[in-house]
Each structure stands twice: as C-alpha cells, then as structure tokens.
Amino acid sequence: MVDPLPAPATEDEALDEEQHEWREREVDASLQGLRLDKALVLMAGEFSRNHLQGLIERGHVWLDGQVARTASRGMKLGQRIRMELVPTEESRAFKAEALPLSIVFEDEHLIVLSKPAGMVVHPAAGNWSGTLLNALLAHHAGAARLPRAGIVHRLDKDTSGLMVVAKTLPAMTALVRAIAAREVGRQYLALAHGVPRESVFTVEAPIGRDPRSRVRMAIVASGKPARTDFELLAAGQGACALRCTLHSGRTHQIRVHAASRGLPLLADAVYGGAPLLGMQRQALHAARLRLEHPVLGGELAFEQPPPADLAAALQALQN
C-alpha cells in the first residue's frame, strides 16, 4: 500500500500541512456509483465542486490508499475515500509577505507609494501571492483590519506609479468618497503609437466589458461614464508622449480611450499596441497624485518620475 502521507519537502510546507483537515469515508449505498468529485461534494459541501476537482488533480485524494486523479471515476461499494482539505487559493492569498515597498509618504492615516510595473495590486486568479495587498499586510498591523488592506484604487499590473492607500477605516472611508466625487487628481504619462491631430483633446465615452472578449474593456453604450483629457508632450519615432488626466477611474480607461483615437499604448497588445523604443510592457505611468488629506486636511501633492524603461523610451522618442 502506498503511504498516503508523504513527508513534506520544507518546514513551511510542514507548518501548512498541520493546519489542513483530513476527511475519510467508506463508500456506502448513498455514494455507490457516483463520480468521485460528486462524492467529495457530499463529504465537504462547504467547498465548491471546482475546488474539490482541483484537489483531485493535485493528488490530495486517495482511494484505498492509492492517489486518485480522475474526477469522473465511479465509486464502488466498500472503497475508502480519504482527502486532504487544502485551503482554497483565495483563502491562502490574504497573507502577509515581506515584499519591498517604495514609500513616498506615510503617516498614521495613509501611505503614498510608487508601485513597480509587474506587481499585481490585489490577489486574483493566477496571482494569489506577491501582490501589493500581501506587502501591505506585512508593512503595518492595521492593514489586516481593513477591507482590501486599505486599497482604495488600483493600477494595472504593468502600470507603474503613484497610489494612495488608507491605514485606518476613517481615512479609507474619506478617500473612497473623495475618489468617487472626483476630488483626487491623477495624471499619467503614456507613450502611444502615432501622433494625435490635436495637441490637446478630450475623450468622453462610456466604458464597459467588451462583449467579444472578457479580458478587454471597450467603449459601449451600456458602460459607465468616463472622461480622459490628453495633452501632447512630444512626438517622434512614430510615437508620441501624452499627459493623461483622469476625471473618472474606469478599468483600463486610458488604454481604451487612447486606442479609440488610433493611439494604442506602446507594447499594449490587448488594445493594439506593439513593442517599440525598448518598451516590453504597456507604456503607462501614474506620474502625479493630488489629494486633500482625508483626516488632517490640507493638500498633498506628489510627483514620481518614470521608471528606467519608460524614461529610456521617452528619451529615445524625444531624440
């Protein structure tokens, strides 16, 4: 018989395994003939069938001491099912991780930081660790008591630049209201293909989920109102540098509005861009942030220069 409890590979895994729950059951008349995954639903109804199927695929389920990896396998009377209830990825995602943070300003109420390109803000499918939320949970104890660890707005994974995060519930409530009331000023630097016909222009068009692709946003009549002001800063090498001022904060707003004018961002393949001037990620940087302090009052204003890849691309464009 194969040992159903192999030794963990590391100390961390051992600590995790001690927290896992094990359930066993003999196949009786109520389980006989059922698929394995459906039998597991009856044994652990608090988990989704999809999660239980994942446990089967990852080798956390045994039949008569042998690892069972086929969810559709029929159950036979007298078989013994044993499964290890590993927590869902979602439940494991909200853990503190000592990740570096580039903090521009911090007091007892809020943090202003510069997010690097490549860092996900909030855990989601495919990115359950290494996120800004994980870093905030490690940075200060109060983050664990706040919704989303105090995150009040987001940047896309490949967008760099300034973000504000609350450290207390009163600050978070005030910041959410200020953003909704469009009282927080946010300006971005973008590099795009082509050159606009006007040096200053505005795109005001509603944004919603693209009906043809779930990974894209689009200008759709049923979308939420969105407005972006654009200002041409420089042009050359078949590209342009734009200052983008948000008047709303829709998902992918600048990327969608720029592309709608035939100006897709460099290296933004989702909206028609391609690598150029050395850029391998969407050329977008949150450069300026202005807000009223949510608790103490008074204006706070910050400016963050672009990271090395965007700075080099901008210099090449200008030259």
C-alpha atoms as a PDB file:
ATOM      1  CA  MET A   1       0.000   0.000   0.000  1.00  0.00           C
ATOM      2  CA  VAL A   2       1.269   3.480  -0.903  1.00  0.00           C
ATOM      3  CA  ASP A   3       1.835   5.748   2.087  1.00  0.00           C
ATOM      4  CA  PRO A   4      -0.861   8.448   1.755  1.00  0.00           C
ATOM      5  CA  LEU A   5       1.109  10.887   3.914  1.00  0.00           C
ATOM      6  CA  PRO A   6       4.435  11.655   2.225  1.00  0.00           C
ATOM      7  CA  ALA A   7       6.838  13.779   4.237  1.00  0.00           C
ATOM      8  CA  PRO A   8       6.634  17.495   3.417  1.00  0.00           C
ATOM      9  CA  ALA A   9       9.526  18.953   1.469  1.00  0.00           C
ATOM     10  CA  THR A  10      10.131  22.025   3.622  1.00  0.00           C
ATOM     11  CA  GLU A  11       9.476  23.337   7.107  1.00  0.00           C
ATOM     12  CA  ASP A  12       6.982  25.862   5.733  1.00  0.00           C
ATOM     13  CA  GLU A  13       5.047  23.122   3.992  1.00  0.00           C
ATOM     14  CA  ALA A  14       5.034  21.123   7.221  1.00  0.00           C
ATOM     15  CA  LEU A  15       3.528  24.033   9.112  1.00  0.00           C
ATOM     16  CA  ASP A  16       0.885  24.463   6.430  1.00  0.00           C
ATOM     17  CA  GLU A  17       0.052  20.762   6.401  1.00  0.00           C
ATOM     18  CA  GLU A  18      -0.584  20.704  10.134  1.00  0.00           C
ATOM     19  CA  GLN A  19      -3.428  23.143   9.549  1.00  0.00           C
ATOM     20  CA  HIS A  20      -5.090  21.013   6.866  1.00  0.00           C
ATOM     21  CA  GLU A  21      -8.149  18.920   7.687  1.00  0.00           C
ATOM     22  CA  TRP A  22      -8.472  15.282   6.685  1.00  0.00           C
ATOM     23  CA  ARG A  23     -11.753  13.529   5.984  1.00  0.00           C
ATOM     24  CA  GLU A  24     -12.400   9.830   5.401  1.00  0.00           C
ATOM     25  CA  ARG A  25     -15.467   7.864   4.450  1.00  0.00           C
ATOM     26  CA  GLU A  26     -16.299   4.400   3.252  1.00  0.00           C
ATOM     27  CA  VAL A  27     -18.386   4.203   0.097  1.00  0.00           C
ATOM     28  CA  ASP A  28     -21.857   3.091   1.134  1.00  0.00           C
ATOM     29  CA  ALA A  29     -25.099   2.815  -0.805  1.00  0.00           C
ATOM     30  CA  SER A  30     -25.513   6.612  -0.855  1.00  0.00           C
ATOM     31  CA  LEU A  31     -22.158   7.068  -2.636  1.00  0.00           C
ATOM     32  CA  GLN A  32     -22.093   3.918  -4.765  1.00  0.00           C
ATOM     33  CA  GLY A  33     -21.958   4.703  -8.481  1.00  0.00           C
ATOM     34  CA  LEU A  34     -21.332   8.416  -8.016  1.00  0.00           C
ATOM     35  CA  ARG A  35     -18.443  10.185  -9.682  1.00  0.00           C
ATOM     36  CA  LEU A  36     -15.541  10.792  -7.323  1.00  0.00           C
ATOM     37  CA  ASP A  37     -15.951  14.576  -7.429  1.00  0.00           C
ATOM     38  CA  LYS A  38     -19.662  14.307  -6.600  1.00  0.00           C
ATOM     39  CA  ALA A  39     -18.860  12.001  -3.687  1.00  0.00           C
ATOM     40  CA  LEU A  40     -16.442  14.618  -2.376  1.00  0.00           C
ATOM     41  CA  VAL A  41     -19.179  17.262  -2.532  1.00  0.00           C
ATOM     42  CA  LEU A  42     -21.218  15.118  -0.140  1.00  0.00           C
ATOM     43  CA  MET A  43     -18.192  14.812   2.153  1.00  0.00           C
ATOM     44  CA  ALA A  44     -17.203  18.508   2.060  1.00  0.00           C
ATOM     45  CA  GLY A  45     -20.167  20.544   0.949  1.00  0.00           C
ATOM     46  CA  GLU A  46     -18.655  23.809   2.156  1.00  0.00           C
ATOM     47  CA  PHE A  47     -16.208  23.705  -0.777  1.00  0.00           C
ATOM     48  CA  SER A  48     -17.107  24.263  -4.416  1.00  0.00           C
ATOM     49  CA  ARG A  49     -17.077  21.292  -6.762  1.00  0.00           C
ATOM     50  CA  ASN A  50     -14.471  23.109  -8.848  1.00  0.00           C
ATOM     51  CA  HIS A  51     -12.130  23.373  -5.836  1.00  0.00           C
ATOM     52  CA  LEU A  52     -12.644  19.699  -4.975  1.00  0.00           C
ATOM     53  CA  GLN A  53     -11.844  18.743  -8.564  1.00  0.00           C
ATOM     54  CA  GLY A  54      -8.628  20.700  -8.158  1.00  0.00           C
ATOM     55  CA  LEU A  55      -7.755  18.667  -5.073  1.00  0.00           C
ATOM     56  CA  ILE A  56      -8.174  15.506  -7.141  1.00  0.00           C
ATOM     57  CA  GLU A  57      -5.947  16.840  -9.923  1.00  0.00           C
ATOM     58  CA  ARG A  58      -3.241  17.875  -7.432  1.00  0.00           C
ATOM     59  CA  GLY A  59      -3.138  14.478  -5.710  1.00  0.00           C
ATOM     60  CA  HIS A  60      -4.905  15.289  -2.439  1.00  0.00           C
ATOM     61  CA  VAL A  61      -7.462  12.465  -2.723  1.00  0.00           C
ATOM     62  CA  TRP A  62      -6.889   8.742  -2.154  1.00  0.00           C
ATOM     63  CA  LEU A  63      -8.986   5.642  -2.849  1.00  0.00           C
ATOM     64  CA  ASP A  64      -7.966   2.584  -0.841  1.00  0.00           C
ATOM     65  CA  GLY A  65      -4.566   4.182  -0.201  1.00  0.00           C
ATOM     66  CA  GLN A  66      -3.853   4.997  -3.849  1.00  0.00           C
ATOM     67  CA  VAL A  67      -3.815   8.545  -5.220  1.00  0.00           C
ATOM     68  CA  ALA A  68      -6.939   9.100  -7.331  1.00  0.00           C
ATOM     69  CA  ARG A  69      -6.608  11.747 -10.066  1.00  0.00           C
ATOM     70  CA  THR A  70      -9.738  11.089 -12.149  1.00  0.00           C
ATOM     71  CA  ALA A  71     -12.766  13.133 -11.092  1.00  0.00           C
ATOM     72  CA  SER A  72     -15.181  11.064 -13.194  1.00  0.00           C
ATOM     73  CA  ARG A  73     -14.156   7.748 -11.659  1.00  0.00           C
ATOM     74  CA  GLY A  74     -17.178   5.777 -10.387  1.00  0.00           C
ATOM     75  CA  MET A  75     -17.352   4.804  -6.721  1.00  0.00           C
ATOM     76  CA  LYS A  76     -17.638   1.149  -5.720  1.00  0.00           C
ATOM     77  CA  LEU A  77     -19.221  -0.172  -2.574  1.00  0.00           C
ATOM     78  CA  GLY A  78     -16.700  -0.639   0.231  1.00  0.00           C
ATOM     79  CA  GLN A  79     -13.986   1.638  -1.178  1.00  0.00           C
ATOM     80  CA  ARG A  80     -12.409   4.031   1.306  1.00  0.00           C
ATOM     81  CA  ILE A  81     -12.060   7.684   0.337  1.00  0.00           C
ATOM     82  CA  ARG A  82      -9.536   9.885   2.080  1.00  0.00           C
ATOM     83  CA  MET A  83      -8.953  13.527   1.201  1.00  0.00           C
ATOM     84  CA  GLU A  84      -6.802  16.363   2.402  1.00  0.00           C
ATOM     85  CA  LEU A  85      -8.806  19.591   2.592  1.00  0.00           C
ATOM     86  CA  VAL A  86      -6.206  22.081   1.422  1.00  0.00           C
ATOM     87  CA  PRO A  87      -7.493  25.664   1.804  1.00  0.00           C
ATOM     88  CA  THR A  88      -8.660  27.423  -1.336  1.00  0.00           C
ATOM     89  CA  GLU A  89      -6.189  29.674  -3.106  1.00  0.00           C
ATOM     90  CA  GLU A  90      -8.399  32.637  -2.225  1.00  0.00           C
ATOM     91  CA  SER A  91      -8.264  31.906   1.500  1.00  0.00           C
ATOM     92  CA  ARG A  92      -4.488  31.494   1.391  1.00  0.00           C
ATOM     93  CA  ALA A  93      -3.988  34.684  -0.602  1.00  0.00           C
ATOM     94  CA  PHE A  94      -4.565  37.125   2.257  1.00  0.00           C
ATOM     95  CA  LYS A  95      -1.258  36.515   3.983  1.00  0.00           C
ATOM     96  CA  ALA A  96       1.460  38.957   4.939  1.00  0.00           C
ATOM     97  CA  GLU A  97       4.543  38.829   2.712  1.00  0.00           C
ATOM     98  CA  ALA A  98       7.647  40.904   3.451  1.00  0.00           C
ATOM     99  CA  LEU A  99       7.890  42.483  -0.010  1.00  0.00           C
ATOM    100  CA  PRO A 100       9.721  45.754  -0.695  1.00  0.00           C
ATOM    101  CA  LEU A 101       7.565  48.870  -0.903  1.00  0.00           C
ATOM    102  CA  SER A 102       8.664  52.170  -2.424  1.00  0.00           C
ATOM    103  CA  ILE A 103       7.008  54.571   0.019  1.00  0.00           C
ATOM    104  CA  VAL A 104       6.851  58.234  -0.996  1.00  0.00           C
ATOM    105  CA  PHE A 105       4.919  59.468   2.049  1.00  0.00           C
ATOM    106  CA  GLU A 106       3.482  57.867   5.177  1.00  0.00           C
ATOM    107  CA  ASP A 107       1.796  58.991   8.357  1.00  0.00           C
ATOM    108  CA  GLU A 108      -0.588  57.304  10.800  1.00  0.00           C
ATOM    109  CA  HIS A 109      -3.527  57.698   8.380  1.00  0.00           C
ATOM    110  CA  LEU A 110      -2.298  56.874   4.895  1.00  0.00           C
ATOM    111  CA  ILE A 111       0.545  55.735   2.643  1.00  0.00           C
ATOM    112  CA  VAL A 112       1.501  57.096  -0.761  1.00  0.00           C
ATOM    113  CA  LEU A 113       3.674  54.639  -2.644  1.00  0.00           C
ATOM    114  CA  SER A 114       5.156  54.062  -6.065  1.00  0.00           C
ATOM    115  CA  LYS A 115       4.060  50.700  -7.460  1.00  0.00           C
ATOM    116  CA  PRO A 116       6.550  48.988  -9.745  1.00  0.00           C
ATOM    117  CA  ALA A 117       5.456  47.616 -13.099  1.00  0.00           C
ATOM    118  CA  GLY A 118       4.752  43.907 -12.829  1.00  0.00           C
ATOM    119  CA  MET A 119       3.241  43.985  -9.332  1.00  0.00           C
ATOM    120  CA  VAL A 120      -0.417  42.996  -9.035  1.00  0.00           C
ATOM    121  CA  VAL A 121      -2.396  45.191  -6.639  1.00  0.00           C
ATOM    122  CA  HIS A 122      -4.936  42.653  -5.351  1.00  0.00           C
ATOM    123  CA  PRO A 123      -4.841  38.825  -5.321  1.00  0.00           C
ATOM    124  CA  ALA A 124      -6.808  37.185  -8.134  1.00  0.00           C
ATOM    125  CA  ALA A 125      -6.719  34.078 -10.283  1.00  0.00           C
ATOM    126  CA  GLY A 126      -3.155  33.486 -11.416  1.00  0.00           C
ATOM    127  CA  ASN A 127      -1.732  35.932  -8.885  1.00  0.00           C
ATOM    128  CA  TRP A 128      -2.523  34.674  -5.388  1.00  0.00           C
ATOM    129  CA  SER A 129       0.726  35.939  -3.852  1.00  0.00           C
ATOM    130  CA  GLY A 130       3.349  38.635  -4.331  1.00  0.00           C
ATOM    131  CA  THR A 131       0.720  41.360  -4.556  1.00  0.00           C
ATOM    132  CA  LEU A 132       0.605  44.843  -3.087  1.00  0.00           C
ATOM    133  CA  LEU A 133      -2.066  43.638  -0.655  1.00  0.00           C
ATOM    134  CA  ASN A 134       0.292  40.934   0.642  1.00  0.00           C
ATOM    135  CA  ALA A 135       3.010  43.553   1.124  1.00  0.00           C
ATOM    136  CA  LEU A 136       0.667  45.925   2.983  1.00  0.00           C
ATOM    137  CA  LEU A 137      -0.376  43.173   5.390  1.00  0.00           C
ATOM    138  CA  ALA A 138       3.292  42.770   6.324  1.00  0.00           C
ATOM    139  CA  HIS A 139       4.018  46.506   6.431  1.00  0.00           C
ATOM    140  CA  HIS A 140       1.566  47.504   9.174  1.00  0.00           C
ATOM    141  CA  ALA A 141      -0.693  45.553  11.515  1.00  0.00           C
ATOM    142  CA  GLY A 142      -3.760  47.708  10.896  1.00  0.00           C
ATOM    143  CA  ALA A 143      -3.997  46.549   7.272  1.00  0.00           C
ATOM    144  CA  ALA A 144      -5.484  43.226   8.398  1.00  0.00           C
ATOM    145  CA  ARG A 145      -8.461  45.051   9.911  1.00  0.00           C
ATOM    146  CA  LEU A 146      -9.312  46.998   6.754  1.00  0.00           C
ATOM    147  CA  PRO A 147     -11.211  45.934   3.633  1.00  0.00           C
ATOM    148  CA  ARG A 148      -8.655  45.118   0.893  1.00  0.00           C
ATOM    149  CA  ALA A 149      -5.895  46.125   3.366  1.00  0.00           C
ATOM    150  CA  GLY A 150      -6.781  49.787   2.793  1.00  0.00           C
ATOM    151  CA  ILE A 151      -6.515  49.769  -1.017  1.00  0.00           C
ATOM    152  CA  VAL A 152      -8.885  52.412  -2.395  1.00  0.00           C
ATOM    153  CA  HIS A 153      -7.909  52.390  -6.094  1.00  0.00           C
ATOM    154  CA  ARG A 154      -5.834  50.211  -8.364  1.00  0.00           C
ATOM    155  CA  LEU A 155      -3.261  50.308 -11.119  1.00  0.00           C
ATOM    156  CA  ASP A 156      -2.994  47.596 -13.756  1.00  0.00           C
ATOM    157  CA  LYS A 157      -0.255  45.031 -13.204  1.00  0.00           C
ATOM    158  CA  ASP A 158       2.046  46.542 -15.846  1.00  0.00           C
ATOM    159  CA  THR A 159       1.322  50.176 -14.983  1.00  0.00           C
ATOM    160  CA  SER A 160       3.835  51.842 -12.675  1.00  0.00           C
ATOM    161  CA  GLY A 161       3.491  54.840 -10.419  1.00  0.00           C
ATOM    162  CA  LEU A 162       1.710  56.565  -7.561  1.00  0.00           C
ATOM    163  CA  MET A 163      -1.048  55.094  -5.419  1.00  0.00           C
ATOM    164  CA  VAL A 164      -2.631  56.144  -2.137  1.00  0.00           C
ATOM    165  CA  VAL A 165      -3.566  53.538   0.480  1.00  0.00           C
ATOM    166  CA  ALA A 166      -5.501  54.076   3.709  1.00  0.00           C
ATOM    167  CA  LYS A 167      -4.178  52.897   7.087  1.00  0.00           C
ATOM    168  CA  THR A 168      -7.361  53.477   9.111  1.00  0.00           C
ATOM    169  CA  LEU A 169     -11.063  52.978   8.442  1.00  0.00           C
ATOM    170  CA  PRO A 170     -11.913  56.720   8.730  1.00  0.00           C
ATOM    171  CA  ALA A 171      -9.174  57.542   6.227  1.00  0.00           C
ATOM    172  CA  MET A 172     -10.340  54.781   3.898  1.00  0.00           C
ATOM    173  CA  THR A 173     -13.950  55.962   4.002  1.00  0.00           C
ATOM    174  CA  ALA A 174     -12.911  59.551   3.265  1.00  0.00           C
ATOM    175  CA  LEU A 175     -10.588  58.542   0.416  1.00  0.00           C
ATOM    176  CA  VAL A 176     -13.214  56.349  -1.244  1.00  0.00           C
ATOM    177  CA  ARG A 177     -15.685  59.229  -1.104  1.00  0.00           C
ATOM    178  CA  ALA A 178     -13.112  61.705  -2.457  1.00  0.00           C
ATOM    179  CA  ILE A 179     -12.277  59.449  -5.399  1.00  0.00           C
ATOM    180  CA  ALA A 180     -15.961  58.894  -6.154  1.00  0.00           C
ATOM    181  CA  ALA A 181     -16.505  62.677  -6.038  1.00  0.00           C
ATOM    182  CA  ARG A 182     -13.533  63.139  -8.433  1.00  0.00           C
ATOM    183  CA  GLU A 183     -11.670  65.190  -5.839  1.00  0.00           C
ATOM    184  CA  VAL A 184      -8.430  63.223  -6.206  1.00  0.00           C
ATOM    185  CA  GLY A 185      -6.250  64.448  -9.062  1.00  0.00           C
ATOM    186  CA  ARG A 186      -4.410  61.773 -11.065  1.00  0.00           C
ATOM    187  CA  GLN A 187      -2.161  62.399 -14.053  1.00  0.00           C
ATOM    188  CA  TYR A 188      -0.374  59.750 -16.103  1.00  0.00           C
ATOM    189  CA  LEU A 189       2.441  59.669 -18.622  1.00  0.00           C
ATOM    190  CA  ALA A 190       1.691  57.459 -21.623  1.00  0.00           C
ATOM    191  CA  LEU A 191       3.669  56.607 -24.750  1.00  0.00           C
ATOM    192  CA  ALA A 192       1.489  55.730 -27.704  1.00  0.00           C
ATOM    193  CA  HIS A 193       1.794  54.760 -31.364  1.00  0.00           C
ATOM    194  CA  GLY A 194       1.065  57.559 -33.832  1.00  0.00           C
ATOM    195  CA  VAL A 195       0.548  61.277 -33.319  1.00  0.00           C
ATOM    196  CA  PRO A 196      -2.779  62.938 -32.470  1.00  0.00           C
ATOM    197  CA  ARG A 197      -4.222  65.566 -34.822  1.00  0.00           C
ATOM    198  CA  GLU A 198      -4.720  67.952 -31.882  1.00  0.00           C
ATOM    199  CA  SER A 199      -2.213  68.822 -29.188  1.00  0.00           C
ATOM    200  CA  VAL A 200      -4.955  68.931 -26.549  1.00  0.00           C
ATOM    201  CA  PHE A 201      -8.111  66.811 -26.723  1.00  0.00           C
ATOM    202  CA  THR A 202     -10.639  65.024 -24.559  1.00  0.00           C
ATOM    203  CA  VAL A 203     -12.232  61.605 -24.896  1.00  0.00           C
ATOM    204  CA  GLU A 204     -15.535  61.315 -23.091  1.00  0.00           C
ATOM    205  CA  ALA A 205     -17.061  57.906 -23.766  1.00  0.00           C
ATOM    206  CA  PRO A 206     -18.625  55.194 -21.550  1.00  0.00           C
ATOM    207  CA  ILE A 207     -16.516  52.135 -20.763  1.00  0.00           C
ATOM    208  CA  GLY A 208     -17.703  48.614 -20.039  1.00  0.00           C
ATOM    209  CA  ARG A 209     -16.711  44.999 -20.589  1.00  0.00           C
ATOM    210  CA  ASP A 210     -16.021  44.181 -24.242  1.00  0.00           C
ATOM    211  CA  PRO A 211     -18.881  41.838 -25.288  1.00  0.00           C
ATOM    212  CA  ARG A 212     -16.465  39.920 -27.549  1.00  0.00           C
ATOM    213  CA  SER A 213     -13.652  39.410 -25.041  1.00  0.00           C
ATOM    214  CA  ARG A 214     -13.767  39.142 -21.238  1.00  0.00           C
ATOM    215  CA  VAL A 215     -10.154  40.316 -20.897  1.00  0.00           C
ATOM    216  CA  ARG A 216     -10.812  43.632 -22.624  1.00  0.00           C
ATOM    217  CA  MET A 217     -12.787  46.748 -21.876  1.00  0.00           C
ATOM    218  CA  ALA A 218     -14.411  48.782 -24.618  1.00  0.00           C
ATOM    219  CA  ILE A 219     -16.447  51.878 -25.358  1.00  0.00           C
ATOM    220  CA  VAL A 220     -20.014  50.602 -25.081  1.00  0.00           C
ATOM    221  CA  ALA A 221     -23.302  52.446 -24.730  1.00  0.00           C
ATOM    222  CA  SER A 222     -24.160  50.495 -21.574  1.00  0.00           C
ATOM    223  CA  GLY A 223     -20.810  51.282 -19.926  1.00  0.00           C
ATOM    224  CA  LYS A 224     -20.042  53.689 -17.091  1.00  0.00           C
ATOM    225  CA  PRO A 225     -19.315  57.358 -17.891  1.00  0.00           C
ATOM    226  CA  ALA A 226     -15.615  58.067 -18.392  1.00  0.00           C
ATOM    227  CA  ARG A 227     -13.573  61.106 -19.371  1.00  0.00           C
ATOM    228  CA  THR A 228      -9.856  61.479 -20.058  1.00  0.00           C
ATOM    229  CA  ASP A 229      -8.034  64.675 -21.028  1.00  0.00           C
ATOM    230  CA  PHE A 230      -4.955  64.235 -23.238  1.00  0.00           C
ATOM    231  CA  GLU A 231      -2.090  66.649 -23.870  1.00  0.00           C
ATOM    232  CA  LEU A 232       0.661  66.037 -26.416  1.00  0.00           C
ATOM    233  CA  LEU A 233       4.105  66.387 -24.804  1.00  0.00           C
ATOM    234  CA  ALA A 234       6.413  65.132 -27.559  1.00  0.00           C
ATOM    235  CA  ALA A 235       6.395  63.160 -30.795  1.00  0.00           C
ATOM    236  CA  GLY A 236       8.925  61.201 -32.816  1.00  0.00           C
ATOM    237  CA  GLN A 237       9.948  57.711 -33.907  1.00  0.00           C
ATOM    238  CA  GLY A 238       6.364  57.006 -34.948  1.00  0.00           C
ATOM    239  CA  ALA A 239       5.149  57.547 -31.400  1.00  0.00           C
ATOM    240  CA  CYS A 240       4.060  60.265 -29.003  1.00  0.00           C
ATOM    241  CA  ALA A 241       4.201  61.098 -25.318  1.00  0.00           C
ATOM    242  CA  LEU A 242       0.897  62.082 -23.733  1.00  0.00           C
ATOM    243  CA  ARG A 243      -0.101  63.574 -20.407  1.00  0.00           C
ATOM    244  CA  CYS A 244      -3.378  61.945 -19.404  1.00  0.00           C
ATOM    245  CA  THR A 245      -5.670  63.408 -16.750  1.00  0.00           C
ATOM    246  CA  LEU A 246      -8.388  61.181 -15.341  1.00  0.00           C
ATOM    247  CA  HIS A 247     -11.816  62.529 -14.485  1.00  0.00           C
ATOM    248  CA  SER A 248     -13.093  59.045 -13.666  1.00  0.00           C
ATOM    249  CA  GLY A 249     -11.399  55.764 -12.810  1.00  0.00           C
ATOM    250  CA  ARG A 250     -12.729  53.004 -15.041  1.00  0.00           C
ATOM    251  CA  THR A 251     -10.810  49.810 -15.651  1.00  0.00           C
ATOM    252  CA  HIS A 252      -8.250  50.297 -18.472  1.00  0.00           C
ATOM    253  CA  GLN A 253      -9.673  53.791 -19.053  1.00  0.00           C
ATOM    254  CA  ILE A 254      -6.602  55.497 -20.531  1.00  0.00           C
ATOM    255  CA  ARG A 255      -5.728  52.447 -22.615  1.00  0.00           C
ATOM    256  CA  VAL A 256      -9.246  52.223 -24.073  1.00  0.00           C
ATOM    257  CA  HIS A 257      -9.686  55.959 -24.694  1.00  0.00           C
ATOM    258  CA  ALA A 258      -6.257  56.339 -26.314  1.00  0.00           C
ATOM    259  CA  ALA A 259      -6.803  53.318 -28.562  1.00  0.00           C
ATOM    260  CA  SER A 260     -10.197  54.714 -29.622  1.00  0.00           C
ATOM    261  CA  ARG A 261      -8.333  57.673 -31.161  1.00  0.00           C
ATOM    262  CA  GLY A 262      -5.907  55.410 -33.016  1.00  0.00           C
ATOM    263  CA  LEU A 263      -3.242  55.864 -30.338  1.00  0.00           C
ATOM    264  CA  PRO A 264      -2.732  52.447 -28.689  1.00  0.00           C
ATOM    265  CA  LEU A 265      -0.076  52.471 -25.983  1.00  0.00           C
ATOM    266  CA  LEU A 266       3.328  51.033 -26.812  1.00  0.00           C
ATOM    267  CA  ALA A 267       3.555  47.292 -26.016  1.00  0.00           C
ATOM    268  CA  ASP A 268      -0.139  47.133 -25.041  1.00  0.00           C
ATOM    269  CA  ALA A 269      -1.075  44.095 -27.125  1.00  0.00           C
ATOM    270  CA  VAL A 270      -4.569  43.910 -25.600  1.00  0.00           C
ATOM    271  CA  TYR A 271      -5.546  47.174 -27.300  1.00  0.00           C
ATOM    272  CA  GLY A 272      -3.464  47.035 -30.466  1.00  0.00           C
ATOM    273  CA  GLY A 273      -0.056  48.217 -29.290  1.00  0.00           C
ATOM    274  CA  ALA A 274       3.293  46.616 -30.074  1.00  0.00           C
ATOM    275  CA  PRO A 275       6.792  46.757 -28.547  1.00  0.00           C
ATOM    276  CA  LEU A 276       8.665  49.900 -29.585  1.00  0.00           C
ATOM    277  CA  LEU A 277      11.516  52.037 -28.228  1.00  0.00           C
ATOM    278  CA  GLY A 278      12.504  49.199 -25.923  1.00  0.00           C
ATOM    279  CA  MET A 279       9.118  49.018 -24.157  1.00  0.00           C
ATOM    280  CA  GLN A 280       8.020  45.457 -23.399  1.00  0.00           C
ATOM    281  CA  ARG A 281       5.082  46.375 -21.119  1.00  0.00           C
ATOM    282  CA  GLN A 282       2.284  48.872 -21.626  1.00  0.00           C
ATOM    283  CA  ALA A 283       3.834  52.327 -21.554  1.00  0.00           C
ATOM    284  CA  LEU A 284       1.794  53.896 -18.777  1.00  0.00           C
ATOM    285  CA  HIS A 285       2.962  55.538 -15.563  1.00  0.00           C
ATOM    286  CA  ALA A 286       0.967  57.261 -12.793  1.00  0.00           C
ATOM    287  CA  ALA A 287       3.141  60.352 -12.539  1.00  0.00           C
ATOM    288  CA  ARG A 288       1.190  62.805 -10.381  1.00  0.00           C
ATOM    289  CA  LEU A 289      -1.206  62.476  -7.470  1.00  0.00           C
ATOM    290  CA  ARG A 290      -3.017  65.280  -5.665  1.00  0.00           C
ATOM    291  CA  LEU A 291      -5.499  64.943  -2.807  1.00  0.00           C
ATOM    292  CA  GLU A 292      -6.722  66.534   0.390  1.00  0.00           C
ATOM    293  CA  HIS A 293      -5.521  64.733   3.491  1.00  0.00           C
ATOM    294  CA  PRO A 294      -8.553  62.638   4.500  1.00  0.00           C
ATOM    295  CA  VAL A 295      -8.181  63.290   8.237  1.00  0.00           C
ATOM    296  CA  LEU A 296      -5.916  66.289   8.836  1.00  0.00           C
ATOM    297  CA  GLY A 297      -6.985  68.367   5.854  1.00  0.00           C
ATOM    298  CA  GLY A 298      -4.604  70.334   3.660  1.00  0.00           C
ATOM    299  CA  GLU A 299      -3.480  69.457   0.149  1.00  0.00           C
ATOM    300  CA  LEU A 300      -0.968  66.709  -0.542  1.00  0.00           C
ATOM    301  CA  ALA A 301       0.722  66.645  -3.948  1.00  0.00           C
ATOM    302  CA  PHE A 302       3.252  64.132  -5.256  1.00  0.00           C
ATOM    303  CA  GLU A 303       5.183  63.588  -8.463  1.00  0.00           C
ATOM    304  CA  GLN A 304       7.083  60.434  -9.388  1.00  0.00           C
ATOM    305  CA  PRO A 305       9.497  60.240 -12.338  1.00  0.00           C
ATOM    306  CA  PRO A 306       9.015  57.309 -14.727  1.00  0.00           C
ATOM    307  CA  PRO A 307      10.991  54.094 -14.141  1.00  0.00           C
ATOM    308  CA  ALA A 308      14.057  53.258 -16.213  1.00  0.00           C
ATOM    309  CA  ASP A 309      12.329  51.508 -19.124  1.00  0.00           C
ATOM    310  CA  LEU A 310       9.796  54.287 -19.689  1.00  0.00           C
ATOM    311  CA  ALA A 311      12.381  57.027 -19.139  1.00  0.00           C
ATOM    312  CA  ALA A 312      14.678  55.486 -21.764  1.00  0.00           C
ATOM    313  CA  ALA A 313      11.805  55.137 -24.237  1.00  0.00           C
ATOM    314  CA  LEU A 314      10.784  58.758 -23.668  1.00  0.00           C
ATOM    315  CA  GLN A 315      14.358  59.954 -24.256  1.00  0.00           C
ATOM    316  CA  ALA A 316      14.568  57.926 -27.487  1.00  0.00           C
ATOM    317  CA  LEU A 317      11.290  59.414 -28.646  1.00  0.00           C
ATOM    318  CA  GLN A 318      12.420  62.957 -27.905  1.00  0.00           C
ATOM    319  CA  ASN A 319      15.731  62.428 -29.679  1.00  0.00           C
END
